[in-house]
Amino acid sequence: MRMLAVIFGFLLTANAAIAQESIHAVDTSGSRNISVAADREQDGRFIEKLQWYSPHGELPGTYQEYLESHPRIPAEFSASARFEATPKFGEQNISILIDADLNSEITPGLNQYISDLQSEGYSVFSQTVSGGTPEEIKSWILERSALACSSFVLVGNITAAWAEVSGSVFPCDLYYMDLDGNWQDADANDVYESHTAGSGDM
């Protein structure tokens, strides 16, 4: 998994640089045990490998199989709803995007969830979506982020982005979490093969 390895490698490099300063400081006091432990924490060989989890143990299948049940059709967003925090402790905003096909089935639970968020001081923006491409879903997230929303919840069977790393093709939720990186689909097959990290602040 080259792309994920690069991403984690970037993070580890940054952390290692910070940790190394502490290690040198500890070394001057003669404590080698702490230094060895810190070196081990920064060694990528000891990082647990990523695993695929799903509610009933089902696997994601191939990208072509995914397209059969999730054809790439333009997104249809509903009218938005906004729920102000009560009481309002500060500018804390959460946006929720809900699968339109699921919305009517979870309305009571969703309303309770929104009410709980409001009582904890969050203002909530909610909207449903039917269909949509990964690019449209990410544009929605970026638009909400530009409006001072810092947290997002995607509910239901929202369109997934797919990535290819070392010949493996899989759904990649990092695409929605990384708002300022550059994702490229060089062969125009709707699967991202490369990623360049942004500044890391989004």
Protein backbone atom coordinates (compact mmCIF):
# COMPACT_ATOMS: atom_id res chain seq x y z
CA MET A 1 0.00 0.00 0.00
CA ARG A 2 2.34 2.67 -1.26
CA MET A 3 0.07 5.68 -0.89
CA LEU A 4 -0.85 4.98 2.73
CA ALA A 5 2.76 4.17 3.50
CA VAL A 6 3.81 7.55 2.10
CA ILE A 7 1.20 9.35 4.17
CA PHE A 8 2.15 7.56 7.37
CA GLY A 9 5.79 7.95 6.50
CA PHE A 10 5.33 11.70 6.25
CA LEU A 11 3.68 11.80 9.65
CA LEU A 12 6.32 9.56 11.19
CA THR A 13 9.10 11.70 9.75
CA ALA A 14 7.62 14.80 11.32
CA ASN A 15 7.11 13.07 14.66
CA ALA A 16 10.57 11.52 14.57
CA ALA A 17 12.15 14.93 14.13
CA ILE A 18 10.35 16.17 17.23
CA ALA A 19 11.05 13.02 19.18
CA GLN A 20 14.74 13.01 18.27
CA GLU A 21 15.25 16.33 20.06
CA SER A 22 13.83 14.83 23.22
CA ILE A 23 15.95 11.71 22.80
CA HIS A 24 19.16 13.74 22.63
CA ALA A 25 18.13 15.67 25.73
CA VAL A 26 17.53 12.41 27.59
CA ASP A 27 20.83 10.96 26.39
CA THR A 28 22.79 13.74 28.09
CA SER A 29 21.40 12.54 31.41
CA GLY A 30 22.59 9.01 30.68
CA SER A 31 19.17 7.35 30.39
CA ARG A 32 19.48 4.98 27.40
CA ASN A 33 16.38 2.90 28.19
CA ILE A 34 14.02 5.77 27.42
CA SER A 35 15.94 6.49 24.22
CA VAL A 36 15.58 2.91 22.97
CA ALA A 37 11.85 2.93 23.73
CA ALA A 38 11.42 6.19 21.86
CA ASP A 39 13.34 4.81 18.86
CA ARG A 40 11.03 1.79 18.82
CA GLU A 41 7.93 4.01 18.79
CA GLN A 42 9.24 5.77 15.68
CA ASP A 43 10.07 2.53 13.85
CA GLY A 44 7.45 1.85 11.13
CA ARG A 45 7.94 -1.91 11.50
CA PHE A 46 6.04 -1.81 14.80
CA ILE A 47 2.96 -0.01 13.44
CA GLU A 48 -0.12 -2.21 13.26
CA LYS A 49 -1.24 -2.87 9.70
CA LEU A 50 -4.53 -1.40 8.50
CA GLN A 51 -7.44 -3.83 8.35
CA TRP A 52 -10.82 -3.77 6.64
CA TYR A 53 -13.86 -3.75 8.96
CA SER A 54 -17.54 -3.89 8.01
CA PRO A 55 -20.76 -4.49 10.04
CA HIS A 56 -21.28 -8.07 8.86
CA GLY A 57 -17.78 -8.97 7.70
CA GLU A 58 -18.52 -8.38 4.02
CA LEU A 59 -15.65 -7.34 1.76
CA PRO A 60 -15.80 -4.28 -0.53
CA GLY A 61 -15.48 -6.33 -3.73
CA THR A 62 -14.06 -4.83 -6.90
CA TYR A 63 -14.56 -1.28 -8.12
CA GLN A 64 -16.63 -2.54 -11.07
CA GLU A 65 -18.92 -4.44 -8.69
CA TYR A 66 -19.27 -1.27 -6.63
CA LEU A 67 -20.28 0.73 -9.71
CA GLU A 68 -23.05 -1.74 -10.49
CA SER A 69 -24.82 -0.83 -7.26
CA HIS A 70 -23.48 2.75 -7.05
CA PRO A 71 -23.55 4.20 -10.58
CA ARG A 72 -21.89 7.58 -10.97
CA ILE A 73 -24.88 9.93 -11.28
CA PRO A 74 -25.05 13.63 -10.41
CA ALA A 75 -25.74 14.43 -6.77
CA GLU A 76 -29.15 15.67 -5.72
CA PHE A 77 -28.94 17.58 -2.44
CA SER A 78 -32.05 18.38 -0.42
CA ALA A 79 -32.85 21.75 1.08
CA SER A 80 -30.63 22.29 4.10
CA ALA A 81 -31.74 22.52 7.72
CA ARG A 82 -29.89 24.34 10.50
CA PHE A 83 -30.29 23.76 14.22
CA GLU A 84 -28.76 26.31 16.57
CA ALA A 85 -26.97 25.25 19.74
CA THR A 86 -28.87 25.56 23.01
CA PRO A 87 -27.10 26.92 24.98
CA LYS A 88 -24.46 28.28 22.63
CA PHE A 89 -20.99 28.03 24.15
CA GLY A 90 -19.06 29.17 21.09
CA GLU A 91 -18.61 28.68 17.36
CA GLN A 92 -18.86 24.92 17.18
CA ASN A 93 -20.48 23.69 13.99
CA ILE A 94 -21.17 20.16 12.78
CA SER A 95 -22.46 19.28 9.31
CA ILE A 96 -24.32 16.01 8.72
CA LEU A 97 -24.82 14.55 5.25
CA ILE A 98 -27.40 11.77 5.12
CA ASP A 99 -28.11 9.14 2.48
CA ALA A 100 -31.55 10.15 1.15
CA ASP A 101 -32.67 6.52 0.85
CA LEU A 102 -31.97 5.96 4.54
CA ASN A 103 -33.22 9.27 5.91
CA SER A 104 -36.87 8.35 6.55
CA GLU A 105 -35.85 5.16 8.38
CA ILE A 106 -33.63 6.92 10.91
CA THR A 107 -35.51 10.19 11.44
CA PRO A 108 -36.33 9.64 15.15
CA GLY A 109 -32.79 8.61 16.02
CA LEU A 110 -31.30 11.37 13.88
CA ASN A 111 -33.48 14.01 15.53
CA GLN A 112 -32.37 12.78 18.94
CA TYR A 113 -28.74 12.88 17.86
CA ILE A 114 -29.10 16.47 16.63
CA SER A 115 -30.87 17.44 19.86
CA ASP A 116 -28.04 15.93 21.90
CA LEU A 117 -25.47 17.85 19.86
CA GLN A 118 -27.37 21.10 20.38
CA SER A 119 -27.49 20.55 24.14
CA GLU A 120 -23.71 20.11 24.11
CA GLY A 121 -23.22 23.48 22.43
CA TYR A 122 -23.06 22.53 18.75
CA SER A 123 -24.92 24.18 15.92
CA VAL A 124 -25.91 21.52 13.39
CA PHE A 125 -26.34 21.77 9.62
CA SER A 126 -28.00 18.77 7.97
CA GLN A 127 -28.74 17.83 4.40
CA THR A 128 -29.57 14.67 2.45
CA VAL A 129 -28.00 13.51 -0.79
CA SER A 130 -28.98 11.04 -3.46
CA GLY A 131 -26.31 9.73 -5.80
CA GLY A 132 -23.29 11.91 -6.35
CA THR A 133 -19.66 11.44 -7.29
CA PRO A 134 -16.82 11.52 -4.75
CA GLU A 135 -15.82 14.91 -6.16
CA GLU A 136 -19.30 16.33 -5.50
CA ILE A 137 -19.36 14.98 -1.96
CA LYS A 138 -15.94 16.46 -1.27
CA SER A 139 -17.02 19.80 -2.75
CA TRP A 140 -19.92 19.79 -0.27
CA ILE A 141 -17.47 19.20 2.59
CA LEU A 142 -15.18 21.98 1.35
CA GLU A 143 -18.08 24.42 1.06
CA ARG A 144 -19.21 23.66 4.60
CA SER A 145 -15.63 23.93 5.85
CA ALA A 146 -15.35 27.39 4.28
CA LEU A 147 -18.43 28.35 6.33
CA ALA A 148 -16.64 27.61 9.61
CA CYS A 149 -17.77 24.01 9.96
CA SER A 150 -15.04 21.93 11.61
CA SER A 151 -16.72 18.53 12.03
CA PHE A 152 -18.58 16.27 9.61
CA VAL A 153 -20.73 13.17 9.89
CA LEU A 154 -21.66 11.12 6.82
CA VAL A 155 -24.62 8.81 7.45
CA GLY A 156 -25.59 5.85 5.28
CA ASN A 157 -24.40 4.64 1.91
CA ILE A 158 -22.68 7.83 0.79
CA THR A 159 -20.64 7.47 -2.41
CA ALA A 160 -17.11 6.28 -1.65
CA ALA A 161 -13.90 7.38 -3.31
CA TRP A 162 -11.59 4.57 -4.44
CA ALA A 163 -7.81 4.51 -4.57
CA GLU A 164 -5.19 2.22 -6.08
CA VAL A 165 -1.97 1.42 -4.24
CA SER A 166 0.55 -1.15 -5.46
CA GLY A 167 -2.09 -2.86 -7.57
CA SER A 168 -4.73 -3.00 -4.82
CA VAL A 169 -7.95 -1.03 -5.38
CA PHE A 170 -10.10 -0.18 -2.37
CA PRO A 171 -12.54 2.40 -0.90
CA CYS A 172 -10.55 5.26 0.62
CA ASP A 173 -12.22 7.42 3.29
CA LEU A 174 -9.03 9.47 3.58
CA TYR A 175 -10.12 11.26 0.39
CA TYR A 176 -12.89 13.00 2.35
CA MET A 177 -10.72 13.69 5.41
CA ASP A 178 -7.86 15.28 3.48
CA LEU A 179 -9.20 18.65 2.37
CA ASP A 180 -6.05 20.30 1.09
CA GLY A 181 -4.17 17.41 -0.53
CA ASN A 182 -3.88 16.82 -4.27
CA TRP A 183 -5.46 13.58 -5.53
CA GLN A 184 -4.76 12.48 -9.09
CA ASP A 185 -6.43 9.99 -11.43
CA ALA A 186 -3.83 9.83 -14.20
CA ASP A 187 -5.60 7.21 -16.35
CA ALA A 188 -9.08 8.74 -15.90
CA ASN A 189 -10.68 5.52 -14.60
CA ASP A 190 -12.25 7.24 -11.56
CA VAL A 191 -9.74 5.61 -9.20
CA TYR A 192 -7.06 7.78 -7.57
CA GLU A 193 -3.53 6.45 -8.02
CA SER A 194 -1.48 9.24 -6.44
CA HIS A 195 -1.74 11.72 -3.62
CA THR A 196 0.32 14.71 -2.62
CA ALA A 197 -0.12 16.01 0.91
CA GLY A 198 -1.16 19.61 1.47
CA SER A 199 -0.07 21.86 4.30
CA GLY A 200 -1.71 19.52 6.79
CA ASP A 201 -3.93 22.12 8.44
CA MET A 202 -7.20 20.92 6.85
